[in-house]
């Protein structure tokens, strides 16, 4: 008699998750903190963001030394000493080289607060039979300093990218090493790269979920042009943010 691959005591021979596993969280969030101690307000935003991530992800990988966060320790928090601060996005994605292809992984900027709706993404993708070639993107909503009022996106900032590890491993070598979080064009470049790599039927805009929140603050860290940014700008396909028309059902 053939083995039922969905039986809980069967050998793990299938590559995609099953309903039985109830994957109602991301597997990992990758990010990099601005070292604490430079701006108390920004430090607090990062701590608030980190707490929100653990509500939607099984683990958080910070490309920092523990001292960069004030030595925060908690289950599921992994520190990876980067080659530089900020680390390149290419270096961050290199961490996934040995990961299972079906792991659902998000890249999130350090001060971005995520609502619990984000945890629905893996199960929604599974139920829609998307396989391992999809991505979710979201423009950020601005939230006021008192964390009470959300404003519509007004700067077209993309601070949340989510895909199976297979996608991140495939595109890592295509990302220029000068790109880091918080610097000009990094989000446009990733958006364009993913839009060219993944069929539009499996590219999802979840901005209307209002699940990706950016605290309003005046401190602009890591802005400016890293070396070679002019060439990157020229190479961005379409010269801007591609239309994101497909909605991922909640």
Protein backbone atom coordinates (compact mmCIF):
# COMPACT_ATOMS: atom_id res chain seq x y z
CA UNK A 1 0.00 0.00 0.00
CA UNK A 2 1.33 3.43 -0.93
CA UNK A 3 2.44 5.72 1.86
CA UNK A 4 0.12 8.66 2.46
CA UNK A 5 2.42 11.73 2.25
CA UNK A 6 0.00 13.72 4.39
CA UNK A 7 0.07 11.32 7.31
CA UNK A 8 1.78 12.81 10.37
CA UNK A 9 3.91 9.67 10.82
CA UNK A 10 5.01 9.39 7.19
CA UNK A 11 8.57 10.06 6.07
CA UNK A 12 9.07 13.72 5.10
CA UNK A 13 9.28 13.18 1.37
CA UNK A 14 7.17 16.08 0.11
CA UNK A 15 8.67 19.49 -0.58
CA UNK A 16 5.66 21.68 0.11
CA UNK A 17 3.98 22.17 3.45
CA UNK A 18 0.70 20.47 4.23
CA UNK A 19 -2.43 21.86 5.83
CA UNK A 20 -1.66 19.65 8.82
CA UNK A 21 1.39 21.79 9.58
CA UNK A 22 -0.67 25.00 9.82
CA UNK A 23 2.12 27.34 8.70
CA UNK A 24 0.52 30.47 10.11
CA UNK A 25 3.81 32.25 10.61
CA UNK A 26 6.75 33.15 8.43
CA UNK A 27 9.82 30.99 8.94
CA UNK A 28 12.27 33.86 9.24
CA UNK A 29 12.69 37.61 9.00
CA UNK A 30 16.08 38.94 7.95
CA UNK A 31 17.06 42.43 9.00
CA UNK A 32 19.87 44.64 10.25
CA UNK A 33 19.61 47.13 13.12
CA UNK A 34 21.07 50.55 13.37
CA UNK A 35 23.32 50.13 16.44
CA UNK A 36 21.58 51.46 19.52
CA UNK A 37 22.79 54.57 21.32
CA UNK A 38 22.74 57.03 18.44
CA UNK A 39 19.09 58.07 18.64
CA UNK A 40 16.86 56.98 21.58
CA UNK A 41 13.66 57.42 19.58
CA UNK A 42 14.93 55.29 16.72
CA UNK A 43 16.16 52.68 19.19
CA UNK A 44 12.64 52.41 20.61
CA UNK A 45 11.15 52.06 17.13
CA UNK A 46 13.49 49.14 16.45
CA UNK A 47 12.59 47.42 19.72
CA UNK A 48 8.87 47.83 18.98
CA UNK A 49 9.39 46.48 15.46
CA UNK A 50 11.27 43.44 16.77
CA UNK A 51 8.44 42.56 19.13
CA UNK A 52 5.95 42.76 16.27
CA UNK A 53 8.08 40.43 14.15
CA UNK A 54 7.99 37.62 16.70
CA UNK A 55 4.20 37.69 16.54
CA UNK A 56 4.38 36.76 12.85
CA UNK A 57 7.65 34.83 12.42
CA UNK A 58 9.26 31.79 14.03
CA UNK A 59 12.71 33.36 13.95
CA UNK A 60 14.45 36.69 13.37
CA UNK A 61 17.96 36.85 11.95
CA UNK A 62 19.76 40.12 12.67
CA UNK A 63 22.96 40.86 10.83
CA UNK A 64 24.45 42.56 13.85
CA UNK A 65 26.59 41.95 16.88
CA UNK A 66 24.57 41.50 20.08
CA UNK A 67 25.96 44.81 21.33
CA UNK A 68 24.20 46.58 18.43
CA UNK A 69 20.83 45.84 20.08
CA UNK A 70 21.88 46.32 23.69
CA UNK A 71 22.36 42.54 23.92
CA UNK A 72 18.71 41.56 23.48
CA UNK A 73 18.36 37.81 23.87
CA UNK A 74 15.24 35.76 23.25
CA UNK A 75 14.29 32.39 21.72
CA UNK A 76 14.33 32.52 17.95
CA UNK A 77 16.61 35.58 17.73
CA UNK A 78 19.77 34.79 15.78
CA UNK A 79 22.75 37.13 15.44
CA UNK A 80 25.01 36.92 12.41
CA UNK A 81 28.14 39.05 12.61
CA UNK A 82 28.15 41.05 9.35
CA UNK A 83 31.16 42.00 7.28
CA UNK A 84 30.08 45.63 7.61
CA UNK A 85 27.31 47.70 9.15
CA UNK A 86 25.06 48.06 7.32
CA UNK A 87 25.59 44.68 5.63
CA UNK A 88 24.90 44.22 1.95
CA UNK A 89 21.62 42.61 1.00
CA UNK A 90 23.64 40.08 -0.98
CA UNK A 91 25.44 39.05 2.22
CA UNK A 92 22.15 38.73 4.10
CA UNK A 93 20.63 36.50 1.45
CA UNK A 94 23.75 34.37 1.47
CA UNK A 95 22.69 33.20 4.93
CA UNK A 96 19.87 31.25 3.25
CA UNK A 97 22.20 29.18 1.09
CA UNK A 98 21.64 26.01 3.14
CA UNK A 99 17.96 26.70 3.93
CA UNK A 100 15.11 24.52 2.72
CA UNK A 101 13.65 25.99 -0.45
CA UNK A 102 10.11 26.13 0.92
CA UNK A 103 10.97 28.26 3.97
CA UNK A 104 9.05 31.54 3.82
CA UNK A 105 11.45 34.41 4.46
CA UNK A 106 10.92 38.17 4.58
CA UNK A 107 13.39 41.04 4.31
CA UNK A 108 12.20 43.84 6.58
CA UNK A 109 13.74 47.21 7.37
CA UNK A 110 14.69 47.56 11.03
CA UNK A 111 12.04 50.07 12.15
CA UNK A 112 9.07 48.51 10.33
CA UNK A 113 6.21 47.32 12.52
CA UNK A 114 4.26 44.36 11.14
CA UNK A 115 0.67 43.59 12.05
CA UNK A 116 -0.47 40.04 12.72
CA UNK A 117 -2.00 39.76 9.24
CA UNK A 118 1.53 39.12 7.92
CA UNK A 119 1.44 35.69 9.58
CA UNK A 120 -1.28 34.66 7.12
CA UNK A 121 1.00 34.81 4.08
CA UNK A 122 2.42 31.23 4.07
CA UNK A 123 -0.96 29.57 4.47
CA UNK A 124 -2.57 31.86 1.89
CA UNK A 125 0.19 31.01 -0.59
CA UNK A 126 -0.21 27.31 0.14
CA UNK A 127 -3.97 27.34 -0.32
CA UNK A 128 -3.55 29.19 -3.61
CA UNK A 129 -1.11 26.45 -4.78
CA UNK A 130 1.58 29.01 -5.61
CA UNK A 131 4.46 26.54 -5.31
CA UNK A 132 7.89 28.06 -4.68
CA UNK A 133 7.90 30.93 -7.16
CA UNK A 134 5.99 33.85 -5.63
CA UNK A 135 6.62 37.10 -3.83
CA UNK A 136 4.68 39.55 -1.66
CA UNK A 137 5.52 43.23 -1.53
CA UNK A 138 3.98 46.14 0.34
CA UNK A 139 4.29 49.89 0.35
CA UNK A 140 4.66 51.10 3.90
CA UNK A 141 1.92 52.95 5.75
CA UNK A 142 3.10 55.87 7.88
CA UNK A 143 2.10 55.75 11.54
CA UNK A 144 2.31 58.86 13.71
CA UNK A 145 4.72 59.13 16.68
CA UNK A 146 1.93 58.24 19.13
CA UNK A 147 1.26 55.03 17.17
CA UNK A 148 -2.42 55.90 16.78
CA UNK A 149 -2.99 57.19 13.24
CA UNK A 150 -2.08 55.45 9.99
CA UNK A 151 -1.65 57.51 6.83
CA UNK A 152 -1.75 56.21 3.24
CA UNK A 153 1.58 55.50 1.54
CA UNK A 154 3.11 58.80 0.50
CA UNK A 155 6.72 58.06 -0.32
CA UNK A 156 6.45 54.76 -2.21
CA UNK A 157 8.88 53.17 0.22
CA UNK A 158 8.97 49.37 0.06
CA UNK A 159 10.26 47.99 3.34
CA UNK A 160 8.79 44.49 3.19
CA UNK A 161 9.64 41.71 0.73
CA UNK A 162 8.54 38.11 1.29
CA UNK A 163 9.29 35.00 -0.81
CA UNK A 164 10.23 31.34 -0.43
CA UNK A 165 13.91 30.80 0.28
CA UNK A 166 14.25 29.29 -3.18
CA UNK A 167 13.62 32.70 -4.75
CA UNK A 168 16.05 34.52 -2.47
CA UNK A 169 18.77 31.98 -3.22
CA UNK A 170 18.15 32.29 -6.96
CA UNK A 171 18.33 36.10 -7.06
CA UNK A 172 21.09 36.72 -4.50
CA UNK A 173 23.89 36.77 -7.06
CA UNK A 174 21.99 39.30 -9.19
CA UNK A 175 22.01 41.97 -6.46
CA UNK A 176 24.89 44.50 -6.53
CA UNK A 177 27.02 44.28 -3.42
CA UNK A 178 26.67 48.02 -2.71
CA UNK A 179 22.96 47.76 -1.95
CA UNK A 180 22.01 47.91 1.74
CA UNK A 181 18.84 48.62 3.69
CA UNK A 182 17.93 52.27 4.09
CA UNK A 183 19.93 53.57 1.16
CA UNK A 184 18.55 55.03 -2.02
CA UNK A 185 17.24 52.58 -4.67
CA UNK A 186 17.63 49.34 -2.69
CA UNK A 187 13.88 48.77 -2.54
CA UNK A 188 13.27 49.84 -6.15
CA UNK A 189 16.02 47.51 -7.30
CA UNK A 190 14.65 44.51 -5.41
CA UNK A 191 11.14 45.24 -6.63
CA UNK A 192 12.27 45.43 -10.23
CA UNK A 193 14.43 42.32 -9.91
CA UNK A 194 11.61 40.25 -8.44
CA UNK A 195 9.14 41.62 -10.98
CA UNK A 196 11.37 40.50 -13.83
CA UNK A 197 12.09 37.13 -12.23
CA UNK A 198 8.60 36.08 -11.08
CA UNK A 199 5.51 35.88 -13.27
CA UNK A 200 3.05 38.68 -12.54
CA UNK A 201 0.36 36.14 -11.64
CA UNK A 202 2.48 35.18 -8.61
CA UNK A 203 3.55 38.67 -7.56
CA UNK A 204 1.32 40.13 -4.88
CA UNK A 205 0.74 43.64 -3.58
CA UNK A 206 -0.54 43.50 0.00
CA UNK A 207 -0.43 47.24 0.64
CA UNK A 208 -4.18 47.30 1.23
CA UNK A 209 -3.72 44.96 4.21
CA UNK A 210 -2.22 47.99 6.05
CA UNK A 211 0.12 45.52 7.69
CA UNK A 212 3.49 47.22 7.07
CA UNK A 213 3.83 50.30 9.28
CA UNK A 214 6.62 52.87 9.27
CA UNK A 215 6.88 55.08 12.38
CA UNK A 216 7.12 58.76 11.56
CA UNK A 217 10.52 60.15 12.54
CA UNK A 218 12.97 62.77 11.38
CA UNK A 219 16.12 60.72 11.65
CA UNK A 220 17.27 59.52 8.23
CA UNK A 221 19.88 56.85 8.74
CA UNK A 222 21.86 55.29 5.92
CA UNK A 223 20.57 57.72 3.33
CA UNK A 224 22.81 58.82 0.53
CA UNK A 225 24.37 57.17 -2.46
CA UNK A 226 26.76 54.27 -1.94
CA UNK A 227 29.49 53.85 -4.57
CA UNK A 228 28.09 52.79 -7.91
CA UNK A 229 24.49 53.80 -7.19
CA UNK A 230 24.20 55.84 -10.41
CA UNK A 231 24.86 52.73 -12.46
CA UNK A 232 22.30 50.79 -10.42
CA UNK A 233 19.67 53.45 -11.08
CA UNK A 234 20.31 53.25 -14.82
CA UNK A 235 19.86 49.49 -14.77
CA UNK A 236 16.54 49.43 -12.93
CA UNK A 237 14.07 48.01 -15.39
CA UNK A 238 11.28 50.44 -16.18
CA UNK A 239 12.87 53.25 -14.18
CA UNK A 240 10.50 52.93 -11.23
CA UNK A 241 8.15 50.74 -9.26
CA UNK A 242 6.32 48.20 -11.45
CA UNK A 243 2.56 48.02 -11.06
CA UNK A 244 1.50 45.54 -8.39
CA UNK A 245 -2.04 44.58 -9.33
CA UNK A 246 -2.58 41.09 -7.96
CA UNK A 247 -3.99 40.74 -4.48
CA UNK A 248 -3.13 37.83 -2.18
CA UNK A 249 -6.33 36.60 -0.49
CA UNK A 250 -6.32 36.71 3.28
